[in-house]
Amino acid sequence: MDILNTTPRPLKISLPGGKVLRLGPKMTGQITAKAAEHEAVKKLLDEGVIEIVGDGGTKGVGGSVQDGGTGPSQGGPSGGGAMRRSGDR
C-alpha cells in the first residue's frame, strides 16, 4: 500500500522489524499492510502527517526502506571504470 507525506518536511517513519522508511516532502512510499498496523504509522495517520493513497499497484517515489544491510555503494567497487592500483608493483 502507498503512503503520502503530506508535510513540507522529510519524515523518518519507524516500521516493524527495526526498519525505517524515509519520505521526502510530498513524496510517496510503499509499506506492507502489517506495517500500516504499527503504532508509529497509526499515530502519523491520526495526526494527518501521512495518508494512505493506494494499494501498492505502482512503485512509490522518494522513499527508501533501510534495514542496515549492505547496498551496492557499500563494500565493493561500483562502476564500470578500472580501479586505480597503488603500492609496490
PDB file of N, CA and C in Angstrom:
ATOM      1  N   MET A   1       0.838  -1.173   0.000  1.00  0.00           N
ATOM      2  CA  MET A   1       0.000   0.000   0.000  1.00  0.00           C
ATOM      3  C   MET A   1       0.882   1.234   0.000  1.00  0.00           C
ATOM      4  N   ASP A   2       0.443   2.274  -0.667  1.00  0.00           N
ATOM      5  CA  ASP A   2       1.218   3.504  -0.799  1.00  0.00           C
ATOM      6  C   ASP A   2       0.803   4.508   0.267  1.00  0.00           C
ATOM      7  N   ILE A   3       1.799   5.228   0.781  1.00  0.00           N
ATOM      8  CA  ILE A   3       1.513   6.314   1.726  1.00  0.00           C
ATOM      9  C   ILE A   3       2.133   7.596   1.192  1.00  0.00           C
ATOM     10  N   LEU A   4       1.526   8.711   1.549  1.00  0.00           N
ATOM     11  CA  LEU A   4       1.952  10.027   1.088  1.00  0.00           C
ATOM     12  C   LEU A   4       2.341  10.883   2.273  1.00  0.00           C
ATOM     13  N   ASN A   5       3.499  11.526   2.187  1.00  0.00           N
ATOM     14  CA  ASN A   5       3.934  12.502   3.185  1.00  0.00           C
ATOM     15  C   ASN A   5       3.250  13.821   2.831  1.00  0.00           C
ATOM     16  N   THR A   6       2.342  14.274   3.667  1.00  0.00           N
ATOM     17  CA  THR A   6       1.576  15.488   3.365  1.00  0.00           C
ATOM     18  C   THR A   6       2.237  16.753   3.898  1.00  0.00           C
ATOM     19  N   THR A   7       3.398  16.625   4.529  1.00  0.00           N
ATOM     20  CA  THR A   7       4.071  17.781   5.121  1.00  0.00           C
ATOM     21  C   THR A   7       5.149  18.329   4.196  1.00  0.00           C
ATOM     22  N   PRO A   8       5.590  19.558   4.433  1.00  0.00           N
ATOM     23  CA  PRO A   8       6.680  20.119   3.624  1.00  0.00           C
ATOM     24  C   PRO A   8       8.063  19.759   4.175  1.00  0.00           C
ATOM     25  N   ARG A   9       8.137  18.786   5.072  1.00  0.00           N
ATOM     26  CA  ARG A   9       9.422  18.370   5.649  1.00  0.00           C
ATOM     27  C   ARG A   9       9.616  16.864   5.465  1.00  0.00           C
ATOM     28  N   PRO A  10      10.865  16.408   5.432  1.00  0.00           N
ATOM     29  CA  PRO A  10      11.105  14.975   5.294  1.00  0.00           C
ATOM     30  C   PRO A  10      10.712  14.224   6.567  1.00  0.00           C
ATOM     31  N   LEU A  11      10.295  12.972   6.416  1.00  0.00           N
ATOM     32  CA  LEU A  11       9.876  12.154   7.552  1.00  0.00           C
ATOM     33  C   LEU A  11      10.748  10.913   7.662  1.00  0.00           C
ATOM     34  N   LYS A  12      10.902  10.448   8.893  1.00  0.00           N
ATOM     35  CA  LYS A  12      11.576   9.186   9.197  1.00  0.00           C
ATOM     36  C   LYS A  12      10.563   8.368   9.983  1.00  0.00           C
ATOM     37  N   ILE A  13       9.994   7.341   9.353  1.00  0.00           N
ATOM     38  CA  ILE A  13       8.906   6.567   9.938  1.00  0.00           C
ATOM     39  C   ILE A  13       9.434   5.203  10.374  1.00  0.00           C
ATOM     40  N   SER A  14       9.249   4.879  11.661  1.00  0.00           N
ATOM     41  CA  SER A  14       9.663   3.569  12.179  1.00  0.00           C
ATOM     42  C   SER A  14       8.660   2.510  11.755  1.00  0.00           C
ATOM     43  N   LEU A  15       9.184   1.391  11.271  1.00  0.00           N
ATOM     44  CA  LEU A  15       8.354   0.274  10.815  1.00  0.00           C
ATOM     45  C   LEU A  15       8.682  -0.970  11.642  1.00  0.00           C
ATOM     46  N   PRO A  16       7.821  -1.982  11.586  1.00  0.00           N
ATOM     47  CA  PRO A  16       8.103  -3.213  12.327  1.00  0.00           C
ATOM     48  C   PRO A  16       9.400  -3.871  11.836  1.00  0.00           C
ATOM     49  N   GLY A  17      10.040  -4.600  12.728  1.00  0.00           N
ATOM     50  CA  GLY A  17      11.268  -5.289  12.371  1.00  0.00           C
ATOM     51  C   GLY A  17      12.493  -4.395  12.401  1.00  0.00           C
ATOM     52  N   GLY A  18      12.375  -3.224  13.027  1.00  0.00           N
ATOM     53  CA  GLY A  18      13.507  -2.314  13.118  1.00  0.00           C
ATOM     54  C   GLY A  18      13.819  -1.568  11.838  1.00  0.00           C
ATOM     55  N   LYS A  19      12.917  -1.597  10.877  1.00  0.00           N
ATOM     56  CA  LYS A  19      13.139  -0.908   9.606  1.00  0.00           C
ATOM     57  C   LYS A  19      12.651   0.531   9.696  1.00  0.00           C
ATOM     58  N   VAL A  20      13.152   1.352   8.772  1.00  0.00           N
ATOM     59  CA  VAL A  20      12.813   2.772   8.747  1.00  0.00           C
ATOM     60  C   VAL A  20      12.470   3.158   7.318  1.00  0.00           C
ATOM     61  N   LEU A  21      11.399   3.931   7.158  1.00  0.00           N
ATOM     62  CA  LEU A  21      11.026   4.475   5.857  1.00  0.00           C
ATOM     63  C   LEU A  21      11.273   5.972   5.904  1.00  0.00           C
ATOM     64  N   ARG A  22      12.080   6.444   4.985  1.00  0.00           N
ATOM     65  CA  ARG A  22      12.345   7.885   4.887  1.00  0.00           C
ATOM     66  C   ARG A  22      11.572   8.418   3.691  1.00  0.00           C
ATOM     67  N   LEU A  23      10.747   9.428   3.954  1.00  0.00           N
ATOM     68  CA  LEU A  23       9.917  10.020   2.905  1.00  0.00           C
ATOM     69  C   LEU A  23      10.235  11.500   2.777  1.00  0.00           C
ATOM     70  N   GLY A  24      10.518  11.930   1.575  1.00  0.00           N
ATOM     71  CA  GLY A  24      10.739  13.337   1.319  1.00  0.00           C
ATOM     72  C   GLY A  24       9.424  14.095   1.344  1.00  0.00           C
ATOM     73  N   PRO A  25       9.495  15.421   1.342  1.00  0.00           N
ATOM     74  CA  PRO A  25       8.278  16.241   1.355  1.00  0.00           C
ATOM     75  C   PRO A  25       7.391  15.948   0.149  1.00  0.00           C
ATOM     76  N   LYS A  26       6.108  15.733   0.409  1.00  0.00           N
ATOM     77  CA  LYS A  26       5.100  15.497  -0.633  1.00  0.00           C
ATOM     78  C   LYS A  26       5.410  14.275  -1.497  1.00  0.00           C
ATOM     79  N   MET A  27       6.159  13.300  -0.969  1.00  0.00           N
ATOM     80  CA  MET A  27       6.524  12.101  -1.705  1.00  0.00           C
ATOM     81  C   MET A  27       5.730  10.897  -1.206  1.00  0.00           C
ATOM     82  N   THR A  28       5.696   9.851  -2.031  1.00  0.00           N
ATOM     83  CA  THR A  28       5.014   8.623  -1.644  1.00  0.00           C
ATOM     84  C   THR A  28       6.026   7.510  -1.454  1.00  0.00           C
ATOM     85  N   GLY A  29       5.622   6.509  -0.678  1.00  0.00           N
ATOM     86  CA  GLY A  29       6.436   5.335  -0.448  1.00  0.00           C
ATOM     87  C   GLY A  29       5.517   4.149  -0.242  1.00  0.00           C
ATOM     88  N   GLN A  30       6.092   2.970  -0.167  1.00  0.00           N
ATOM     89  CA  GLN A  30       5.289   1.759  -0.008  1.00  0.00           C
ATOM     90  C   GLN A  30       5.560   1.112   1.338  1.00  0.00           C
ATOM     91  N   ILE A  31       4.484   0.628   1.958  1.00  0.00           N
ATOM     92  CA  ILE A  31       4.581  -0.147   3.180  1.00  0.00           C
ATOM     93  C   ILE A  31       3.658  -1.347   3.047  1.00  0.00           C
ATOM     94  N   THR A  32       3.873  -2.338   3.880  1.00  0.00           N
ATOM     95  CA  THR A  32       3.006  -3.514   3.871  1.00  0.00           C
ATOM     96  C   THR A  32       1.770  -3.248   4.724  1.00  0.00           C
ATOM     97  N   ALA A  33       0.774  -4.114   4.597  1.00  0.00           N
ATOM     98  CA  ALA A  33      -0.430  -3.990   5.419  1.00  0.00           C
ATOM     99  C   ALA A  33      -0.078  -4.179   6.897  1.00  0.00           C
ATOM    100  N   LYS A  34       0.888  -5.052   7.181  1.00  0.00           N
ATOM    101  CA  LYS A  34       1.339  -5.254   8.555  1.00  0.00           C
ATOM    102  C   LYS A  34       1.959  -3.978   9.115  1.00  0.00           C
ATOM    103  N   ALA A  35       2.747  -3.276   8.300  1.00  0.00           N
ATOM    104  CA  ALA A  35       3.382  -2.033   8.730  1.00  0.00           C
ATOM    105  C   ALA A  35       2.346  -0.937   8.978  1.00  0.00           C
ATOM    106  N   ALA A  36       1.238  -0.971   8.242  1.00  0.00           N
ATOM    107  CA  ALA A  36       0.188   0.036   8.427  1.00  0.00           C
ATOM    108  C   ALA A  36      -0.479  -0.104   9.786  1.00  0.00           C
ATOM    109  N   GLU A  37      -0.382  -1.284  10.410  1.00  0.00           N
ATOM    110  CA  GLU A  37      -0.965  -1.508  11.733  1.00  0.00           C
ATOM    111  C   GLU A  37       0.006  -1.169  12.858  1.00  0.00           C
ATOM    112  N   HIS A  38       1.228  -0.774  12.527  1.00  0.00           N
ATOM    113  CA  HIS A  38       2.242  -0.432  13.522  1.00  0.00           C
ATOM    114  C   HIS A  38       1.855   0.866  14.241  1.00  0.00           C
ATOM    115  N   GLU A  39       2.193   0.945  15.532  1.00  0.00           N
ATOM    116  CA  GLU A  39       1.807   2.102  16.358  1.00  0.00           C
ATOM    117  C   GLU A  39       2.285   3.434  15.785  1.00  0.00           C
ATOM    118  N   ALA A  40       3.552   3.500  15.370  1.00  0.00           N
ATOM    119  CA  ALA A  40       4.100   4.759  14.859  1.00  0.00           C
ATOM    120  C   ALA A  40       3.367   5.220  13.599  1.00  0.00           C
ATOM    121  N   VAL A  41       3.028   4.270  12.737  1.00  0.00           N
ATOM    122  CA  VAL A  41       2.323   4.609  11.494  1.00  0.00           C
ATOM    123  C   VAL A  41       0.896   5.055  11.809  1.00  0.00           C
ATOM    124  N   LYS A  42       0.224   4.346  12.721  1.00  0.00           N
ATOM    125  CA  LYS A  42      -1.138   4.730  13.107  1.00  0.00           C
ATOM    126  C   LYS A  42      -1.172   6.139  13.692  1.00  0.00           C
ATOM    127  N   LYS A  43      -0.174   6.470  14.507  1.00  0.00           N
ATOM    128  CA  LYS A  43      -0.108   7.800  15.124  1.00  0.00           C
ATOM    129  C   LYS A  43       0.022   8.890  14.055  1.00  0.00           C
ATOM    130  N   LEU A  44       0.904   8.657  13.072  1.00  0.00           N
ATOM    131  CA  LEU A  44       1.081   9.639  11.996  1.00  0.00           C
ATOM    132  C   LEU A  44      -0.170   9.764  11.132  1.00  0.00           C
ATOM    133  N   LEU A  45      -0.870   8.649  10.928  1.00  0.00           N
ATOM    134  CA  LEU A  45      -2.126   8.694  10.171  1.00  0.00           C
ATOM    135  C   LEU A  45      -3.177   9.509  10.919  1.00  0.00           C
ATOM    136  N   ASP A  46      -3.285   9.284  12.236  1.00  0.00           N
ATOM    137  CA  ASP A  46      -4.263  10.018  13.047  1.00  0.00           C
ATOM    138  C   ASP A  46      -3.971  11.510  13.082  1.00  0.00           C
ATOM    139  N   GLU A  47      -2.684  11.874  13.090  1.00  0.00           N
ATOM    140  CA  GLU A  47      -2.293  13.284  13.127  1.00  0.00           C
ATOM    141  C   GLU A  47      -2.426  13.959  11.760  1.00  0.00           C
ATOM    142  N   GLY A  48      -2.604  13.179  10.707  1.00  0.00           N
ATOM    143  CA  GLY A  48      -2.725  13.742   9.366  1.00  0.00           C
ATOM    144  C   GLY A  48      -1.395  14.040   8.706  1.00  0.00           C
ATOM    145  N   VAL A  49      -0.302  13.545   9.280  1.00  0.00           N
ATOM    146  CA  VAL A  49       1.022  13.777   8.727  1.00  0.00           C
ATOM    147  C   VAL A  49       1.230  12.953   7.458  1.00  0.00           C
ATOM    148  N   ILE A  50       0.696  11.720   7.454  1.00  0.00           N
ATOM    149  CA  ILE A  50       0.744  10.869   6.271  1.00  0.00           C
ATOM    150  C   ILE A  50      -0.673  10.414   5.951  1.00  0.00           C
ATOM    151  N   GLU A  51      -0.878   9.992   4.717  1.00  0.00           N
ATOM    152  CA  GLU A  51      -2.168   9.407   4.357  1.00  0.00           C
ATOM    153  C   GLU A  51      -1.946   8.259   3.390  1.00  0.00           C
ATOM    154  N   ILE A  52      -2.849   7.300   3.438  1.00  0.00           N
ATOM    155  CA  ILE A  52      -2.774   6.150   2.554  1.00  0.00           C
ATOM    156  C   ILE A  52      -3.442   6.527   1.242  1.00  0.00           C
ATOM    157  N   VAL A  53      -2.702   6.367   0.127  1.00  0.00           N
ATOM    158  CA  VAL A  53      -3.216   6.814  -1.168  1.00  0.00           C
ATOM    159  C   VAL A  53      -3.494   5.689  -2.140  1.00  0.00           C
ATOM    160  N   GLY A  54      -3.028   4.491  -1.885  1.00  0.00           N
ATOM    161  CA  GLY A  54      -3.278   3.412  -2.829  1.00  0.00           C
ATOM    162  C   GLY A  54      -3.012   2.059  -2.222  1.00  0.00           C
ATOM    163  N   ASP A  55      -3.180   1.030  -3.060  1.00  0.00           N
ATOM    164  CA  ASP A  55      -2.990  -0.331  -2.582  1.00  0.00           C
ATOM    165  C   ASP A  55      -1.648  -0.912  -2.981  1.00  0.00           C
ATOM    166  N   GLY A  56      -0.765  -0.114  -3.568  1.00  0.00           N
ATOM    167  CA  GLY A  56       0.572  -0.599  -3.911  1.00  0.00           C
ATOM    168  C   GLY A  56       0.698  -1.101  -5.328  1.00  0.00           C
ATOM    169  N   GLY A  57      -0.190  -0.696  -6.223  1.00  0.00           N
ATOM    170  CA  GLY A  57      -0.127  -1.148  -7.598  1.00  0.00           C
ATOM    171  C   GLY A  57       1.044  -0.568  -8.364  1.00  0.00           C
ATOM    172  N   THR A  58       1.532   0.606  -7.962  1.00  0.00           N
ATOM    173  CA  THR A  58       2.662   1.221  -8.628  1.00  0.00           C
ATOM    174  C   THR A  58       3.780   1.439  -7.632  1.00  0.00           C
ATOM    175  N   LYS A  59       4.972   1.555  -8.152  1.00  0.00           N
ATOM    176  CA  LYS A  59       6.130   1.751  -7.278  1.00  0.00           C
ATOM    177  C   LYS A  59       6.171   3.194  -6.789  1.00  0.00           C
ATOM    178  N   GLY A  60       6.435   3.382  -5.488  1.00  0.00           N
ATOM    179  CA  GLY A  60       6.492   4.704  -4.890  1.00  0.00           C
ATOM    180  C   GLY A  60       7.751   5.442  -5.297  1.00  0.00           C
ATOM    181  N   VAL A  61       7.727   6.757  -5.133  1.00  0.00           N
ATOM    182  CA  VAL A  61       8.844   7.604  -5.485  1.00  0.00           C
ATOM    183  C   VAL A  61       9.273   8.374  -4.245  1.00  0.00           C
ATOM    184  N   GLY A  62      10.552   8.451  -3.997  1.00  0.00           N
ATOM    185  CA  GLY A  62      11.061   9.294  -2.922  1.00  0.00           C
ATOM    186  C   GLY A  62      11.243   8.614  -1.590  1.00  0.00           C
ATOM    187  N   GLY A  63      10.857   7.398  -1.443  1.00  0.00           N
ATOM    188  CA  GLY A  63      11.026   6.708  -0.168  1.00  0.00           C
ATOM    189  C   GLY A  63      12.019   5.579  -0.303  1.00  0.00           C
ATOM    190  N   SER A  64      12.672   5.258   0.788  1.00  0.00           N
ATOM    191  CA  SER A  64      13.576   4.126   0.779  1.00  0.00           C
ATOM    192  C   SER A  64      13.525   3.442   2.125  1.00  0.00           C
ATOM    193  N   VAL A  65      13.468   2.140   2.109  1.00  0.00           N
ATOM    194  CA  VAL A  65      13.467   1.380   3.344  1.00  0.00           C
ATOM    195  C   VAL A  65      14.903   0.992   3.634  1.00  0.00           C
ATOM    196  N   GLN A  66      15.366   1.287   4.831  1.00  0.00           N
ATOM    197  CA  GLN A  66      16.730   0.964   5.193  1.00  0.00           C
ATOM    198  C   GLN A  66      16.725  -0.054   6.308  1.00  0.00           C
ATOM    199  N   ASP A  67      17.352  -1.198   6.058  1.00  0.00           N
ATOM    200  CA  ASP A  67      17.348  -2.257   7.043  1.00  0.00           C
ATOM    201  C   ASP A  67      18.735  -2.552   7.597  1.00  0.00           C
ATOM    202  N   GLY A  68      19.718  -1.717   7.285  1.00  0.00           N
ATOM    203  CA  GLY A  68      21.052  -1.908   7.823  1.00  0.00           C
ATOM    204  C   GLY A  68      21.925  -2.842   7.009  1.00  0.00           C
ATOM    205  N   GLY A  69      21.426  -3.383   5.918  1.00  0.00           N
ATOM    206  CA  GLY A  69      22.217  -4.268   5.081  1.00  0.00           C
ATOM    207  C   GLY A  69      23.170  -3.480   4.205  1.00  0.00           C
ATOM    208  N   THR A  70      24.047  -4.198   3.513  1.00  0.00           N
ATOM    209  CA  THR A  70      24.969  -3.517   2.623  1.00  0.00           C
ATOM    210  C   THR A  70      24.334  -3.369   1.256  1.00  0.00           C
ATOM    211  N   GLY A  71      24.499  -2.220   0.689  1.00  0.00           N
ATOM    212  CA  GLY A  71      23.957  -1.936  -0.626  1.00  0.00           C
ATOM    213  C   GLY A  71      25.067  -1.900  -1.654  1.00  0.00           C
ATOM    214  N   PRO A  72      24.743  -1.568  -2.891  1.00  0.00           N
ATOM    215  CA  PRO A  72      25.750  -1.551  -3.935  1.00  0.00           C
ATOM    216  C   PRO A  72      26.827  -0.493  -3.710  1.00  0.00           C
ATOM    217  N   SER A  73      26.537   0.552  -2.941  1.00  0.00           N
ATOM    218  CA  SER A  73      27.525   1.588  -2.708  1.00  0.00           C
ATOM    219  C   SER A  73      28.412   1.265  -1.519  1.00  0.00           C
ATOM    220  N   GLN A  74      28.163   0.161  -0.847  1.00  0.00           N
ATOM    221  CA  GLN A  74      28.960  -0.200   0.320  1.00  0.00           C
ATOM    222  C   GLN A  74      29.669  -1.521   0.067  1.00  0.00           C
ATOM    223  N   GLY A  75      30.968  -1.538   0.323  1.00  0.00           N
ATOM    224  CA  GLY A  75      31.688  -2.795   0.309  1.00  0.00           C
ATOM    225  C   GLY A  75      32.070  -3.333  -1.056  1.00  0.00           C
ATOM    226  N   GLY A  76      32.490  -2.496  -1.964  1.00  0.00           N
ATOM    227  CA  GLY A  76      32.955  -3.028  -3.233  1.00  0.00           C
ATOM    228  C   GLY A  76      32.976  -1.979  -4.305  1.00  0.00           C
ATOM    229  N   PRO A  77      33.651  -2.299  -5.402  1.00  0.00           N
ATOM    230  CA  PRO A  77      33.693  -1.330  -6.494  1.00  0.00           C
ATOM    231  C   PRO A  77      32.322  -1.191  -7.141  1.00  0.00           C
ATOM    232  N   SER A  78      31.968   0.013  -7.438  1.00  0.00           N
ATOM    233  CA  SER A  78      30.684   0.236  -8.096  1.00  0.00           C
ATOM    234  C   SER A  78      30.913   1.157  -9.279  1.00  0.00           C
ATOM    235  N   GLY A  79      30.822   0.624 -10.418  1.00  0.00           N
ATOM    236  CA  GLY A  79      31.020   1.421 -11.613  1.00  0.00           C
ATOM    237  C   GLY A  79      31.737   0.600 -12.666  1.00  0.00           C
ATOM    238  N   GLY A  80      31.804   1.123 -13.864  1.00  0.00           N
ATOM    239  CA  GLY A  80      32.409   0.387 -14.947  1.00  0.00           C
ATOM    240  C   GLY A  80      33.871   0.689 -15.163  1.00  0.00           C
ATOM    241  N   GLY A  81      34.445   1.673 -14.454  1.00  0.00           N
ATOM    242  CA  GLY A  81      35.824   2.054 -14.678  1.00  0.00           C
ATOM    243  C   GLY A  81      36.806   1.119 -13.993  1.00  0.00           C
ATOM    244  N   ALA A  82      38.053   1.194 -14.435  1.00  0.00           N
ATOM    245  CA  ALA A  82      39.099   0.374 -13.833  1.00  0.00           C
ATOM    246  C   ALA A  82      39.516   0.987 -12.507  1.00  0.00           C
ATOM    247  N   MET A  83      39.892   0.128 -11.559  1.00  0.00           N
ATOM    248  CA  MET A  83      40.341   0.624 -10.260  1.00  0.00           C
ATOM    249  C   MET A  83      41.787   1.077 -10.344  1.00  0.00           C
ATOM    250  N   ARG A  84      42.118   2.111  -9.617  1.00  0.00           N
ATOM    251  CA  ARG A  84      43.488   2.617  -9.568  1.00  0.00           C
ATOM    252  C   ARG A  84      44.299   1.727  -8.634  1.00  0.00           C
ATOM    253  N   ARG A  85      45.450   1.311  -9.081  1.00  0.00           N
ATOM    254  CA  ARG A  85      46.306   0.479  -8.249  1.00  0.00           C
ATOM    255  C   ARG A  85      47.276   1.354  -7.483  1.00  0.00           C
ATOM    256  N   SER A  86      47.630   0.899  -6.301  1.00  0.00           N
ATOM    257  CA  SER A  86      48.618   1.624  -5.502  1.00  0.00           C
ATOM    258  C   SER A  86      49.540   0.621  -4.829  1.00  0.00           C
ATOM    259  N   GLY A  87      50.675   1.108  -4.378  1.00  0.00           N
ATOM    260  CA  GLY A  87      51.635   0.234  -3.704  1.00  0.00           C
ATOM    261  C   GLY A  87      52.724  -0.249  -4.646  1.00  0.00           C
ATOM    262  N   ASP A  88      53.550  -1.173  -4.149  1.00  0.00           N
ATOM    263  CA  ASP A  88      54.648  -1.724  -4.945  1.00  0.00           C
ATOM    264  C   ASP A  88      54.107  -2.648  -6.027  1.00  0.00           C
ATOM    265  N   ARG A  89      54.753  -2.527  -7.212  1.00  0.00           N
ATOM    266  CA  ARG A  89      54.382  -3.417  -8.310  1.00  0.00           C
ATOM    267  C   ARG A  89      55.597  -4.008  -8.920  1.00  0.00           C
TER     268      ARG A  89
END
